[in-house]
Amino acid sequence: MRQRETLRYDQTLFRDREVFEFTYMPDELHHRDAQIRELALLARPALRSGSPRNVVKLARQS
């Protein structure tokens, strides 16, 4: 029977513990291009002194 490998006290399962911090912001958001474009489109009127669309309301309709 093979001995089961376990982590020692000085080892971790995670490569980068920082990603679990609330303030962590990744450099890229993979597979989110469509959502980012939609949010930019909804915010565009605010840049022209208009009212931005309600993102929460649209998310509920989807």
PDB file of N, CA and C in Angstrom:
ATOM      1  N   MET A   1       0.841  -1.175   0.000  1.00  0.00           N
ATOM      2  CA  MET A   1       0.000   0.000   0.000  1.00  0.00           C
ATOM      3  C   MET A   1       0.894   1.250   0.000  1.00  0.00           C
ATOM      4  N   ARG A   2       0.594   2.201  -0.881  1.00  0.00           N
ATOM      5  CA  ARG A   2       1.393   3.415  -1.016  1.00  0.00           C
ATOM      6  C   ARG A   2       1.049   4.433   0.071  1.00  0.00           C
ATOM      7  N   GLN A   3       2.063   5.089   0.593  1.00  0.00           N
ATOM      8  CA  GLN A   3       1.840   6.094   1.632  1.00  0.00           C
ATOM      9  C   GLN A   3       1.164   7.322   1.015  1.00  0.00           C
ATOM     10  N   ARG A   4       0.170   7.814   1.654  1.00  0.00           N
ATOM     11  CA  ARG A   4      -0.574   8.984   1.180  1.00  0.00           C
ATOM     12  C   ARG A   4       0.234  10.253   1.444  1.00  0.00           C
ATOM     13  N   GLU A   5       0.379  11.079   0.413  1.00  0.00           N
ATOM     14  CA  GLU A   5       1.142  12.314   0.565  1.00  0.00           C
ATOM     15  C   GLU A   5       0.261  13.385   1.200  1.00  0.00           C
ATOM     16  N   THR A   6       0.776  14.028   2.208  1.00  0.00           N
ATOM     17  CA  THR A   6       0.055  15.117   2.865  1.00  0.00           C
ATOM     18  C   THR A   6       0.953  16.342   2.922  1.00  0.00           C
ATOM     19  N   LEU A   7       0.324  17.478   3.127  1.00  0.00           N
ATOM     20  CA  LEU A   7       1.080  18.722   3.233  1.00  0.00           C
ATOM     21  C   LEU A   7       1.715  18.836   4.609  1.00  0.00           C
ATOM     22  N   ARG A   8       2.886  19.400   4.623  1.00  0.00           N
ATOM     23  CA  ARG A   8       3.546  19.707   5.884  1.00  0.00           C
ATOM     24  C   ARG A   8       3.062  21.072   6.358  1.00  0.00           C
ATOM     25  N   TYR A   9       3.398  21.423   7.596  1.00  0.00           N
ATOM     26  CA  TYR A   9       2.936  22.683   8.176  1.00  0.00           C
ATOM     27  C   TYR A   9       3.435  23.904   7.394  1.00  0.00           C
ATOM     28  N   ASP A  10       4.552  23.772   6.690  1.00  0.00           N
ATOM     29  CA  ASP A  10       5.124  24.900   5.965  1.00  0.00           C
ATOM     30  C   ASP A  10       4.755  24.897   4.483  1.00  0.00           C
ATOM     31  N   GLN A  11       3.818  24.056   4.069  1.00  0.00           N
ATOM     32  CA  GLN A  11       3.376  23.988   2.675  1.00  0.00           C
ATOM     33  C   GLN A  11       1.941  24.494   2.559  1.00  0.00           C
ATOM     34  N   THR A  12       1.557  24.822   1.329  1.00  0.00           N
ATOM     35  CA  THR A  12       0.209  25.302   1.079  1.00  0.00           C
ATOM     36  C   THR A  12      -0.315  24.744  -0.245  1.00  0.00           C
ATOM     37  N   LEU A  13      -1.625  24.701  -0.367  1.00  0.00           N
ATOM     38  CA  LEU A  13      -2.252  24.274  -1.618  1.00  0.00           C
ATOM     39  C   LEU A  13      -2.293  25.408  -2.643  1.00  0.00           C
ATOM     40  N   PHE A  14      -2.152  26.625  -2.182  1.00  0.00           N
ATOM     41  CA  PHE A  14      -2.372  27.794  -3.023  1.00  0.00           C
ATOM     42  C   PHE A  14      -1.059  28.412  -3.475  1.00  0.00           C
ATOM     43  N   ARG A  15      -1.020  28.817  -4.735  1.00  0.00           N
ATOM     44  CA  ARG A  15       0.177  29.460  -5.281  1.00  0.00           C
ATOM     45  C   ARG A  15       0.323  30.888  -4.770  1.00  0.00           C
ATOM     46  N   ASP A  16      -0.811  31.580  -4.678  1.00  0.00           N
ATOM     47  CA  ASP A  16      -0.779  32.987  -4.302  1.00  0.00           C
ATOM     48  C   ASP A  16      -1.935  33.281  -3.343  1.00  0.00           C
ATOM     49  N   ARG A  17      -1.636  33.420  -2.084  1.00  0.00           N
ATOM     50  CA  ARG A  17      -2.679  33.666  -1.082  1.00  0.00           C
ATOM     51  C   ARG A  17      -3.324  35.032  -1.260  1.00  0.00           C
ATOM     52  N   GLU A  18      -2.647  35.936  -1.934  1.00  0.00           N
ATOM     53  CA  GLU A  18      -3.166  37.295  -2.133  1.00  0.00           C
ATOM     54  C   GLU A  18      -4.508  37.294  -2.865  1.00  0.00           C
ATOM     55  N   VAL A  19      -4.755  36.312  -3.715  1.00  0.00           N
ATOM     56  CA  VAL A  19      -5.997  36.288  -4.490  1.00  0.00           C
ATOM     57  C   VAL A  19      -7.231  36.125  -3.607  1.00  0.00           C
ATOM     58  N   PHE A  20      -7.059  35.739  -2.362  1.00  0.00           N
ATOM     59  CA  PHE A  20      -8.180  35.587  -1.451  1.00  0.00           C
ATOM     60  C   PHE A  20      -8.468  36.851  -0.649  1.00  0.00           C
ATOM     61  N   GLU A  21      -7.668  37.881  -0.843  1.00  0.00           N
ATOM     62  CA  GLU A  21      -7.889  39.155  -0.168  1.00  0.00           C
ATOM     63  C   GLU A  21      -9.038  39.898  -0.836  1.00  0.00           C
ATOM     64  N   PHE A  22      -9.826  40.605  -0.035  1.00  0.00           N
ATOM     65  CA  PHE A  22     -10.970  41.352  -0.551  1.00  0.00           C
ATOM     66  C   PHE A  22     -10.545  42.426  -1.557  1.00  0.00           C
ATOM     67  N   THR A  23      -9.370  42.994  -1.372  1.00  0.00           N
ATOM     68  CA  THR A  23      -8.901  44.088  -2.218  1.00  0.00           C
ATOM     69  C   THR A  23      -8.166  43.613  -3.469  1.00  0.00           C
ATOM     70  N   TYR A  24      -8.045  42.317  -3.667  1.00  0.00           N
ATOM     71  CA  TYR A  24      -7.300  41.796  -4.817  1.00  0.00           C
ATOM     72  C   TYR A  24      -8.017  42.141  -6.124  1.00  0.00           C
ATOM     73  N   MET A  25      -7.252  42.628  -7.090  1.00  0.00           N
ATOM     74  CA  MET A  25      -7.786  42.938  -8.415  1.00  0.00           C
ATOM     75  C   MET A  25      -6.890  42.265  -9.447  1.00  0.00           C
ATOM     76  N   PRO A  26      -7.425  41.307 -10.203  1.00  0.00           N
ATOM     77  CA  PRO A  26      -6.596  40.623 -11.197  1.00  0.00           C
ATOM     78  C   PRO A  26      -6.245  41.553 -12.358  1.00  0.00           C
ATOM     79  N   ASP A  27      -5.142  41.252 -13.028  1.00  0.00           N
ATOM     80  CA  ASP A  27      -4.734  42.048 -14.186  1.00  0.00           C
ATOM     81  C   ASP A  27      -5.707  41.875 -15.341  1.00  0.00           C
ATOM     82  N   GLU A  28      -6.225  40.677 -15.511  1.00  0.00           N
ATOM     83  CA  GLU A  28      -7.176  40.375 -16.585  1.00  0.00           C
ATOM     84  C   GLU A  28      -8.369  39.627 -16.020  1.00  0.00           C
ATOM     85  N   LEU A  29      -9.536  39.886 -16.583  1.00  0.00           N
ATOM     86  CA  LEU A  29     -10.731  39.126 -16.226  1.00  0.00           C
ATOM     87  C   LEU A  29     -11.046  38.216 -17.407  1.00  0.00           C
ATOM     88  N   HIS A  30     -10.580  37.005 -17.343  1.00  0.00           N
ATOM     89  CA  HIS A  30     -10.758  36.069 -18.443  1.00  0.00           C
ATOM     90  C   HIS A  30     -12.230  35.730 -18.646  1.00  0.00           C
ATOM     91  N   HIS A  31     -12.626  35.635 -19.907  1.00  0.00           N
ATOM     92  CA  HIS A  31     -13.971  35.223 -20.307  1.00  0.00           C
ATOM     93  C   HIS A  31     -15.055  36.202 -19.856  1.00  0.00           C
ATOM     94  N   ARG A  32     -14.702  37.463 -19.667  1.00  0.00           N
ATOM     95  CA  ARG A  32     -15.675  38.471 -19.247  1.00  0.00           C
ATOM     96  C   ARG A  32     -15.783  39.617 -20.249  1.00  0.00           C
ATOM     97  N   ASP A  33     -15.262  39.446 -21.438  1.00  0.00           N
ATOM     98  CA  ASP A  33     -15.255  40.529 -22.426  1.00  0.00           C
ATOM     99  C   ASP A  33     -16.658  41.038 -22.741  1.00  0.00           C
ATOM    100  N   ALA A  34     -17.606  40.139 -22.938  1.00  0.00           N
ATOM    101  CA  ALA A  34     -18.976  40.547 -23.279  1.00  0.00           C
ATOM    102  C   ALA A  34     -19.610  41.350 -22.145  1.00  0.00           C
ATOM    103  N   GLN A  35     -19.409  40.913 -20.910  1.00  0.00           N
ATOM    104  CA  GLN A  35     -19.984  41.634 -19.777  1.00  0.00           C
ATOM    105  C   GLN A  35     -19.342  43.005 -19.606  1.00  0.00           C
ATOM    106  N   ILE A  36     -18.036  43.091 -19.801  1.00  0.00           N
ATOM    107  CA  ILE A  36     -17.350  44.375 -19.666  1.00  0.00           C
ATOM    108  C   ILE A  36     -17.826  45.345 -20.741  1.00  0.00           C
ATOM    109  N   ARG A  37     -17.989  44.861 -21.966  1.00  0.00           N
ATOM    110  CA  ARG A  37     -18.498  45.726 -23.048  1.00  0.00           C
ATOM    111  C   ARG A  37     -19.910  46.219 -22.727  1.00  0.00           C
ATOM    112  N   GLU A  38     -20.751  45.333 -22.200  1.00  0.00           N
ATOM    113  CA  GLU A  38     -22.126  45.718 -21.877  1.00  0.00           C
ATOM    114  C   GLU A  38     -22.157  46.765 -20.760  1.00  0.00           C
ATOM    115  N   LEU A  39     -21.328  46.586 -19.738  1.00  0.00           N
ATOM    116  CA  LEU A  39     -21.271  47.578 -18.666  1.00  0.00           C
ATOM    117  C   LEU A  39     -20.792  48.934 -19.184  1.00  0.00           C
ATOM    118  N   ALA A  40     -19.817  48.921 -20.067  1.00  0.00           N
ATOM    119  CA  ALA A  40     -19.332  50.171 -20.651  1.00  0.00           C
ATOM    120  C   ALA A  40     -20.431  50.857 -21.458  1.00  0.00           C
ATOM    121  N   LEU A  41     -21.192  50.080 -22.196  1.00  0.00           N
ATOM    122  CA  LEU A  41     -22.297  50.629 -22.988  1.00  0.00           C
ATOM    123  C   LEU A  41     -23.363  51.235 -22.083  1.00  0.00           C
ATOM    124  N   LEU A  42     -23.676  50.576 -20.983  1.00  0.00           N
ATOM    125  CA  LEU A  42     -24.693  51.072 -20.060  1.00  0.00           C
ATOM    126  C   LEU A  42     -24.239  52.322 -19.311  1.00  0.00           C
ATOM    127  N   ALA A  43     -22.939  52.469 -19.093  1.00  0.00           N
ATOM    128  CA  ALA A  43     -22.415  53.629 -18.373  1.00  0.00           C
ATOM    129  C   ALA A  43     -22.178  54.829 -19.297  1.00  0.00           C
ATOM    130  N   ARG A  44     -22.143  54.608 -20.586  1.00  0.00           N
ATOM    131  CA  ARG A  44     -21.812  55.671 -21.545  1.00  0.00           C
ATOM    132  C   ARG A  44     -22.660  56.935 -21.398  1.00  0.00           C
ATOM    133  N   PRO A  45     -23.982  56.848 -21.202  1.00  0.00           N
ATOM    134  CA  PRO A  45     -24.760  58.089 -21.061  1.00  0.00           C
ATOM    135  C   PRO A  45     -24.286  58.978 -19.904  1.00  0.00           C
ATOM    136  N   ALA A  46     -23.783  58.391 -18.837  1.00  0.00           N
ATOM    137  CA  ALA A  46     -23.307  59.183 -17.693  1.00  0.00           C
ATOM    138  C   ALA A  46     -22.106  60.042 -18.077  1.00  0.00           C
ATOM    139  N   LEU A  47     -21.317  59.597 -19.035  1.00  0.00           N
ATOM    140  CA  LEU A  47     -20.168  60.382 -19.478  1.00  0.00           C
ATOM    141  C   LEU A  47     -20.587  61.608 -20.269  1.00  0.00           C
ATOM    142  N   ARG A  48     -21.824  61.591 -20.750  1.00  0.00           N
ATOM    143  CA  ARG A  48     -22.366  62.721 -21.526  1.00  0.00           C
ATOM    144  C   ARG A  48     -23.431  63.471 -20.735  1.00  0.00           C
ATOM    145  N   SER A  49     -23.282  63.502 -19.410  1.00  0.00           N
ATOM    146  CA  SER A  49     -24.203  64.187 -18.489  1.00  0.00           C
ATOM    147  C   SER A  49     -25.608  63.609 -18.520  1.00  0.00           C
ATOM    148  N   GLY A  50     -25.738  62.380 -18.926  1.00  0.00           N
ATOM    149  CA  GLY A  50     -27.035  61.720 -18.923  1.00  0.00           C
ATOM    150  C   GLY A  50     -27.146  60.776 -17.739  1.00  0.00           C
ATOM    151  N   SER A  51     -28.153  59.945 -17.775  1.00  0.00           N
ATOM    152  CA  SER A  51     -28.360  58.963 -16.709  1.00  0.00           C
ATOM    153  C   SER A  51     -27.946  57.586 -17.202  1.00  0.00           C
ATOM    154  N   PRO A  52     -27.087  56.920 -16.461  1.00  0.00           N
ATOM    155  CA  PRO A  52     -26.693  55.567 -16.874  1.00  0.00           C
ATOM    156  C   PRO A  52     -27.856  54.602 -16.702  1.00  0.00           C
ATOM    157  N   ARG A  53     -27.835  53.519 -17.450  1.00  0.00           N
ATOM    158  CA  ARG A  53     -28.878  52.498 -17.326  1.00  0.00           C
ATOM    159  C   ARG A  53     -28.673  51.728 -16.034  1.00  0.00           C
ATOM    160  N   ASN A  54     -29.728  51.135 -15.526  1.00  0.00           N
ATOM    161  CA  ASN A  54     -29.683  50.367 -14.289  1.00  0.00           C
ATOM    162  C   ASN A  54     -29.189  48.955 -14.588  1.00  0.00           C
ATOM    163  N   VAL A  55     -27.987  48.661 -14.164  1.00  0.00           N
ATOM    164  CA  VAL A  55     -27.362  47.372 -14.440  1.00  0.00           C
ATOM    165  C   VAL A  55     -28.035  46.249 -13.648  1.00  0.00           C
ATOM    166  N   VAL A  56     -28.425  46.534 -12.415  1.00  0.00           N
ATOM    167  CA  VAL A  56     -29.057  45.519 -11.573  1.00  0.00           C
ATOM    168  C   VAL A  56     -30.387  45.104 -12.165  1.00  0.00           C
ATOM    169  N   LYS A  57     -31.170  46.059 -12.623  1.00  0.00           N
ATOM    170  CA  LYS A  57     -32.474  45.761 -13.219  1.00  0.00           C
ATOM    171  C   LYS A  57     -32.311  44.903 -14.465  1.00  0.00           C
ATOM    172  N   LEU A  58     -31.309  45.201 -15.296  1.00  0.00           N
ATOM    173  CA  LEU A  58     -31.073  44.418 -16.497  1.00  0.00           C
ATOM    174  C   LEU A  58     -30.622  42.993 -16.170  1.00  0.00           C
ATOM    175  N   ALA A  59     -29.837  42.836 -15.126  1.00  0.00           N
ATOM    176  CA  ALA A  59     -29.356  41.517 -14.734  1.00  0.00           C
ATOM    177  C   ALA A  59     -30.507  40.625 -14.309  1.00  0.00           C
ATOM    178  N   ARG A  60     -31.519  41.184 -13.678  1.00  0.00           N
ATOM    179  CA  ARG A  60     -32.689  40.399 -13.244  1.00  0.00           C
ATOM    180  C   ARG A  60     -33.537  39.966 -14.429  1.00  0.00           C
ATOM    181  N   GLN A  61     -33.545  40.741 -15.497  1.00  0.00           N
ATOM    182  CA  GLN A  61     -34.349  40.405 -16.676  1.00  0.00           C
ATOM    183  C   GLN A  61     -33.729  39.280 -17.482  1.00  0.00           C
ATOM    184  N   SER A  62     -32.430  39.080 -17.359  1.00  0.00           N
ATOM    185  CA  SER A  62     -31.724  38.068 -18.153  1.00  0.00           C
ATOM    186  C   SER A  62     -32.065  36.682 -17.721  1.00  0.00           C
TER     187      SER A  62
END
